[in-house]
């Protein structure tokens, strides 16, 4: 969903026809996190992620994670063999960081990541798997590449991009991204 949990949880509960008051949201999030934690070890990186990170590292491209997840959740999600992602990053901005006043689709997280990397937002490229993140990148003045799931069932849930996102470049495997072409290098 790309938003902070306390922002998207009421939407999910309402969509399910369940009560979405503050207590119901808190109870549902506790249950959600418990199930999610059990699944962390079986989660894998997006196909091609490790190869893309290696290529970008070789080109000395500054990289950051800008996520709506809180820092504790990111550490759990990217633990074990997925820690290679964190090793490649020069900065990480999480939804619970004080500099992030508004979550996605507001640009706060991406703007802060660019600031930490000392990069002009207009020269940044975002890889994003949520529509709200694509909106956030656009609001920050950044270009983006949408990541669509390979799994047909998950891909069916990926929103159809309309309006200014209709021509949005996308990949299903991050190794499809040409780092030389994508960064204006020959």
C-alpha atoms as a PDB file:
ATOM      1  CA  UNK A   1       0.000   0.000   0.000  1.00  0.00           C
ATOM      2  CA  UNK A   2       2.974   2.293   0.494  1.00  0.00           C
ATOM      3  CA  UNK A   3       1.408   4.256   3.349  1.00  0.00           C
ATOM      4  CA  UNK A   4       1.962   4.259   7.076  1.00  0.00           C
ATOM      5  CA  UNK A   5       0.132   1.397   8.813  1.00  0.00           C
ATOM      6  CA  UNK A   6      -2.148   3.671  10.812  1.00  0.00           C
ATOM      7  CA  UNK A   7      -3.150   5.352   7.556  1.00  0.00           C
ATOM      8  CA  UNK A   8      -3.873   2.227   5.507  1.00  0.00           C
ATOM      9  CA  UNK A   9      -5.280  -0.059   8.217  1.00  0.00           C
ATOM     10  CA  UNK A  10      -8.608   1.850   8.537  1.00  0.00           C
ATOM     11  CA  UNK A  11      -8.981   1.659   4.732  1.00  0.00           C
ATOM     12  CA  UNK A  12      -8.449  -2.114   4.783  1.00  0.00           C
ATOM     13  CA  UNK A  13     -10.885  -2.614   7.654  1.00  0.00           C
ATOM     14  CA  UNK A  14     -13.511  -0.447   5.955  1.00  0.00           C
ATOM     15  CA  UNK A  15     -13.023  -2.371   2.696  1.00  0.00           C
ATOM     16  CA  UNK A  16     -13.579  -5.607   4.618  1.00  0.00           C
ATOM     17  CA  UNK A  17     -16.736  -4.145   6.162  1.00  0.00           C
ATOM     18  CA  UNK A  18     -15.215  -4.174   9.642  1.00  0.00           C
ATOM     19  CA  UNK A  19     -15.263  -1.544  12.345  1.00  0.00           C
ATOM     20  CA  UNK A  20     -12.375   0.894  11.885  1.00  0.00           C
ATOM     21  CA  UNK A  21     -12.279   2.882  15.122  1.00  0.00           C
ATOM     22  CA  UNK A  22      -8.951   3.452  16.859  1.00  0.00           C
ATOM     23  CA  UNK A  23      -9.194   0.351  19.093  1.00  0.00           C
ATOM     24  CA  UNK A  24     -10.171  -1.909  16.179  1.00  0.00           C
ATOM     25  CA  UNK A  25      -7.269  -0.559  14.109  1.00  0.00           C
ATOM     26  CA  UNK A  26      -4.760  -1.164  16.919  1.00  0.00           C
ATOM     27  CA  UNK A  27      -6.040  -4.694  17.531  1.00  0.00           C
ATOM     28  CA  UNK A  28      -5.999  -5.536  13.815  1.00  0.00           C
ATOM     29  CA  UNK A  29      -2.464  -4.121  13.383  1.00  0.00           C
ATOM     30  CA  UNK A  30      -1.176  -6.227  16.306  1.00  0.00           C
ATOM     31  CA  UNK A  31      -2.599  -9.331  14.639  1.00  0.00           C
ATOM     32  CA  UNK A  32      -1.265  -8.268  11.228  1.00  0.00           C
ATOM     33  CA  UNK A  33       2.271  -7.683  12.545  1.00  0.00           C
ATOM     34  CA  UNK A  34       2.269 -11.022  14.360  1.00  0.00           C
ATOM     35  CA  UNK A  35       1.410 -12.856  11.119  1.00  0.00           C
ATOM     36  CA  UNK A  36       3.841 -10.769   9.113  1.00  0.00           C
ATOM     37  CA  UNK A  37       6.723 -11.455  11.503  1.00  0.00           C
ATOM     38  CA  UNK A  38       6.142 -15.170  11.061  1.00  0.00           C
ATOM     39  CA  UNK A  39       6.505 -14.686   7.303  1.00  0.00           C
ATOM     40  CA  UNK A  40       9.654 -12.490   7.266  1.00  0.00           C
ATOM     41  CA  UNK A  41      12.083 -15.402   7.045  1.00  0.00           C
ATOM     42  CA  UNK A  42      10.339 -16.818   3.968  1.00  0.00           C
ATOM     43  CA  UNK A  43      10.183 -13.479   2.147  1.00  0.00           C
ATOM     44  CA  UNK A  44      12.655 -12.899  -0.633  1.00  0.00           C
ATOM     45  CA  UNK A  45      13.990  -9.858  -2.413  1.00  0.00           C
ATOM     46  CA  UNK A  46      12.290  -8.629  -5.561  1.00  0.00           C
ATOM     47  CA  UNK A  47      13.780 -10.577  -8.490  1.00  0.00           C
ATOM     48  CA  UNK A  48      16.940  -8.907  -9.761  1.00  0.00           C
ATOM     49  CA  UNK A  49      17.324  -6.650  -6.707  1.00  0.00           C
ATOM     50  CA  UNK A  50      20.723  -7.953  -5.657  1.00  0.00           C
ATOM     51  CA  UNK A  51      22.116  -7.700  -9.206  1.00  0.00           C
ATOM     52  CA  UNK A  52      20.799  -4.150  -9.636  1.00  0.00           C
ATOM     53  CA  UNK A  53      22.292  -3.115  -6.290  1.00  0.00           C
ATOM     54  CA  UNK A  54      25.666  -4.568  -7.309  1.00  0.00           C
ATOM     55  CA  UNK A  55      25.571  -2.669 -10.613  1.00  0.00           C
ATOM     56  CA  UNK A  56      24.601   0.626  -8.965  1.00  0.00           C
ATOM     57  CA  UNK A  57      27.241   0.187  -6.257  1.00  0.00           C
ATOM     58  CA  UNK A  58      29.893  -0.410  -8.941  1.00  0.00           C
ATOM     59  CA  UNK A  59      28.838   2.889 -10.579  1.00  0.00           C
ATOM     60  CA  UNK A  60      29.045   4.671  -7.179  1.00  0.00           C
ATOM     61  CA  UNK A  61      25.387   5.693  -7.367  1.00  0.00           C
ATOM     62  CA  UNK A  62      24.246   7.010  -3.969  1.00  0.00           C
ATOM     63  CA  UNK A  63      21.301   4.974  -2.688  1.00  0.00           C
ATOM     64  CA  UNK A  64      18.747   5.241   0.079  1.00  0.00           C
ATOM     65  CA  UNK A  65      15.674   3.432   1.273  1.00  0.00           C
ATOM     66  CA  UNK A  66      12.620   5.650   1.752  1.00  0.00           C
ATOM     67  CA  UNK A  67       9.825   3.571   3.244  1.00  0.00           C
ATOM     68  CA  UNK A  68       6.584   4.100   5.109  1.00  0.00           C
ATOM     69  CA  UNK A  69       7.487   1.175   7.374  1.00  0.00           C
ATOM     70  CA  UNK A  70       8.919   1.958  10.789  1.00  0.00           C
ATOM     71  CA  UNK A  71      12.628   1.349  11.398  1.00  0.00           C
ATOM     72  CA  UNK A  72      12.036  -1.754  13.542  1.00  0.00           C
ATOM     73  CA  UNK A  73       9.924  -3.382  10.821  1.00  0.00           C
ATOM     74  CA  UNK A  74      12.518  -2.608   8.129  1.00  0.00           C
ATOM     75  CA  UNK A  75      15.234  -4.257  10.226  1.00  0.00           C
ATOM     76  CA  UNK A  76      13.083  -7.387  10.524  1.00  0.00           C
ATOM     77  CA  UNK A  77      12.079  -7.423   6.843  1.00  0.00           C
ATOM     78  CA  UNK A  78      15.676  -7.025   5.685  1.00  0.00           C
ATOM     79  CA  UNK A  79      17.314  -9.368   8.154  1.00  0.00           C
ATOM     80  CA  UNK A  80      19.381 -12.430   7.315  1.00  0.00           C
ATOM     81  CA  UNK A  81      20.284 -12.942   3.664  1.00  0.00           C
ATOM     82  CA  UNK A  82      18.329  -9.811   2.665  1.00  0.00           C
ATOM     83  CA  UNK A  83      20.711  -7.591   4.688  1.00  0.00           C
ATOM     84  CA  UNK A  84      22.710  -7.065   1.471  1.00  0.00           C
ATOM     85  CA  UNK A  85      20.184  -4.327   0.693  1.00  0.00           C
ATOM     86  CA  UNK A  86      21.067  -2.372   3.819  1.00  0.00           C
ATOM     87  CA  UNK A  87      24.784  -2.808   3.132  1.00  0.00           C
ATOM     88  CA  UNK A  88      24.392  -0.941  -0.180  1.00  0.00           C
ATOM     89  CA  UNK A  89      22.499   2.033   1.250  1.00  0.00           C
ATOM     90  CA  UNK A  90      24.045   5.305   2.337  1.00  0.00           C
ATOM     91  CA  UNK A  91      20.806   6.433   4.005  1.00  0.00           C
ATOM     92  CA  UNK A  92      17.493   5.097   5.220  1.00  0.00           C
ATOM     93  CA  UNK A  93      14.351   7.121   5.863  1.00  0.00           C
ATOM     94  CA  UNK A  94      11.474   5.380   7.621  1.00  0.00           C
ATOM     95  CA  UNK A  95       7.881   6.328   8.286  1.00  0.00           C
ATOM     96  CA  UNK A  96       8.624   6.925  11.957  1.00  0.00           C
ATOM     97  CA  UNK A  97      11.541   9.315  11.316  1.00  0.00           C
ATOM     98  CA  UNK A  98      10.952  12.813  12.768  1.00  0.00           C
ATOM     99  CA  UNK A  99      11.719  14.439   9.385  1.00  0.00           C
ATOM    100  CA  UNK A 100       8.789  12.575   7.826  1.00  0.00           C
ATOM    101  CA  UNK A 101       5.804  14.637   8.907  1.00  0.00           C
ATOM    102  CA  UNK A 102       3.457  13.126   6.299  1.00  0.00           C
ATOM    103  CA  UNK A 103       3.546   9.645   4.840  1.00  0.00           C
ATOM    104  CA  UNK A 104       3.200   8.671   1.208  1.00  0.00           C
ATOM    105  CA  UNK A 105       1.731   9.953  -1.092  1.00  0.00           C
ATOM    106  CA  UNK A 106       3.288  13.126   0.384  1.00  0.00           C
ATOM    107  CA  UNK A 107       6.897  13.626  -0.752  1.00  0.00           C
ATOM    108  CA  UNK A 108       8.443  13.963   2.737  1.00  0.00           C
ATOM    109  CA  UNK A 109      10.299  10.620   2.846  1.00  0.00           C
ATOM    110  CA  UNK A 110      11.801  10.945  -0.615  1.00  0.00           C
ATOM    111  CA  UNK A 111      12.771  14.587  -0.074  1.00  0.00           C
ATOM    112  CA  UNK A 112      14.520  13.633   3.167  1.00  0.00           C
ATOM    113  CA  UNK A 113      16.342  10.749   1.461  1.00  0.00           C
ATOM    114  CA  UNK A 114      17.616  13.113  -1.252  1.00  0.00           C
ATOM    115  CA  UNK A 115      18.727  15.575   1.431  1.00  0.00           C
ATOM    116  CA  UNK A 116      20.630  12.870   3.316  1.00  0.00           C
ATOM    117  CA  UNK A 117      22.342  11.775   0.085  1.00  0.00           C
ATOM    118  CA  UNK A 118      23.036  15.398  -0.873  1.00  0.00           C
ATOM    119  CA  UNK A 119      21.266  14.748  -4.188  1.00  0.00           C
ATOM    120  CA  UNK A 120      18.961  17.091  -6.098  1.00  0.00           C
ATOM    121  CA  UNK A 121      15.498  15.433  -6.061  1.00  0.00           C
ATOM    122  CA  UNK A 122      15.120  16.118  -9.794  1.00  0.00           C
ATOM    123  CA  UNK A 123      18.187  13.963 -10.499  1.00  0.00           C
ATOM    124  CA  UNK A 124      16.945  11.073  -8.328  1.00  0.00           C
ATOM    125  CA  UNK A 125      15.327   7.881  -9.587  1.00  0.00           C
ATOM    126  CA  UNK A 126      12.899   5.944  -7.416  1.00  0.00           C
ATOM    127  CA  UNK A 127      12.037   2.253  -7.729  1.00  0.00           C
ATOM    128  CA  UNK A 128       8.566   1.849  -6.253  1.00  0.00           C
ATOM    129  CA  UNK A 129       6.047  -0.965  -5.871  1.00  0.00           C
ATOM    130  CA  UNK A 130       3.058   1.054  -4.625  1.00  0.00           C
ATOM    131  CA  UNK A 131       0.921   3.659  -6.346  1.00  0.00           C
ATOM    132  CA  UNK A 132       1.135   5.984  -3.342  1.00  0.00           C
ATOM    133  CA  UNK A 133       4.925   5.757  -3.603  1.00  0.00           C
ATOM    134  CA  UNK A 134       4.817   6.669  -7.294  1.00  0.00           C
ATOM    135  CA  UNK A 135       2.657   9.675  -6.357  1.00  0.00           C
ATOM    136  CA  UNK A 136       5.118  10.560  -3.598  1.00  0.00           C
ATOM    137  CA  UNK A 137       8.095  10.412  -5.965  1.00  0.00           C
ATOM    138  CA  UNK A 138       6.289  12.625  -8.493  1.00  0.00           C
ATOM    139  CA  UNK A 139       5.401  15.120  -5.749  1.00  0.00           C
ATOM    140  CA  UNK A 140       9.094  15.227  -4.788  1.00  0.00           C
ATOM    141  CA  UNK A 141      10.008  15.992  -8.406  1.00  0.00           C
ATOM    142  CA  UNK A 142      11.683  12.614  -8.878  1.00  0.00           C
ATOM    143  CA  UNK A 143      11.463  10.178 -11.755  1.00  0.00           C
ATOM    144  CA  UNK A 144      10.346   6.678 -10.928  1.00  0.00           C
ATOM    145  CA  UNK A 145      10.157   3.136 -12.197  1.00  0.00           C
ATOM    146  CA  UNK A 146       7.188   1.039 -11.091  1.00  0.00           C
ATOM    147  CA  UNK A 147       7.902  -2.504  -9.926  1.00  0.00           C
ATOM    148  CA  UNK A 148       5.094  -4.880 -10.839  1.00  0.00           C
ATOM    149  CA  UNK A 149       4.864  -8.327  -9.274  1.00  0.00           C
ATOM    150  CA  UNK A 150       5.711 -11.430 -11.336  1.00  0.00           C
ATOM    151  CA  UNK A 151       3.114 -13.607  -9.629  1.00  0.00           C
ATOM    152  CA  UNK A 152      -0.072 -13.445 -11.779  1.00  0.00           C
ATOM    153  CA  UNK A 153      -2.346 -13.262  -8.729  1.00  0.00           C
ATOM    154  CA  UNK A 154      -0.349 -10.391  -7.218  1.00  0.00           C
ATOM    155  CA  UNK A 155       0.011  -8.678 -10.594  1.00  0.00           C
ATOM    156  CA  UNK A 156      -3.772  -8.674 -10.965  1.00  0.00           C
ATOM    157  CA  UNK A 157      -3.933  -6.590  -7.775  1.00  0.00           C
ATOM    158  CA  UNK A 158      -1.373  -4.071  -9.040  1.00  0.00           C
ATOM    159  CA  UNK A 159      -3.343  -0.969  -9.945  1.00  0.00           C
ATOM    160  CA  UNK A 160      -3.705   0.103 -13.533  1.00  0.00           C
ATOM    161  CA  UNK A 161      -1.723   3.297 -13.824  1.00  0.00           C
ATOM    162  CA  UNK A 162      -3.774   6.159 -15.223  1.00  0.00           C
ATOM    163  CA  UNK A 163      -3.415   9.875 -15.760  1.00  0.00           C
ATOM    164  CA  UNK A 164       0.160  11.089 -15.477  1.00  0.00           C
ATOM    165  CA  UNK A 165       1.264   7.548 -14.567  1.00  0.00           C
ATOM    166  CA  UNK A 166      -0.203   5.904 -17.702  1.00  0.00           C
ATOM    167  CA  UNK A 167       3.178   5.912 -19.470  1.00  0.00           C
ATOM    168  CA  UNK A 168       5.045   4.986 -16.289  1.00  0.00           C
ATOM    169  CA  UNK A 169       8.021   2.740 -17.055  1.00  0.00           C
ATOM    170  CA  UNK A 170       7.830  -0.495 -15.121  1.00  0.00           C
ATOM    171  CA  UNK A 171       9.760  -3.695 -14.548  1.00  0.00           C
ATOM    172  CA  UNK A 172       8.830  -7.047 -13.045  1.00  0.00           C
ATOM    173  CA  UNK A 173      12.457  -8.021 -12.459  1.00  0.00           C
ATOM    174  CA  UNK A 174      14.938  -5.352 -11.387  1.00  0.00           C
ATOM    175  CA  UNK A 175      17.654  -6.870 -13.563  1.00  0.00           C
ATOM    176  CA  UNK A 176      15.587  -5.575 -16.529  1.00  0.00           C
ATOM    177  CA  UNK A 177      16.666  -2.033 -15.651  1.00  0.00           C
ATOM    178  CA  UNK A 178      19.564  -0.800 -17.797  1.00  0.00           C
ATOM    179  CA  UNK A 179      21.672   1.193 -15.322  1.00  0.00           C
ATOM    180  CA  UNK A 180      23.647   2.890 -18.076  1.00  0.00           C
ATOM    181  CA  UNK A 181      20.580   4.064 -20.002  1.00  0.00           C
ATOM    182  CA  UNK A 182      18.657   4.831 -16.807  1.00  0.00           C
ATOM    183  CA  UNK A 183      21.342   7.218 -15.561  1.00  0.00           C
ATOM    184  CA  UNK A 184      22.133   8.910 -18.851  1.00  0.00           C
ATOM    185  CA  UNK A 185      25.501   7.168 -19.200  1.00  0.00           C
ATOM    186  CA  UNK A 186      26.768   5.655 -22.421  1.00  0.00           C
END
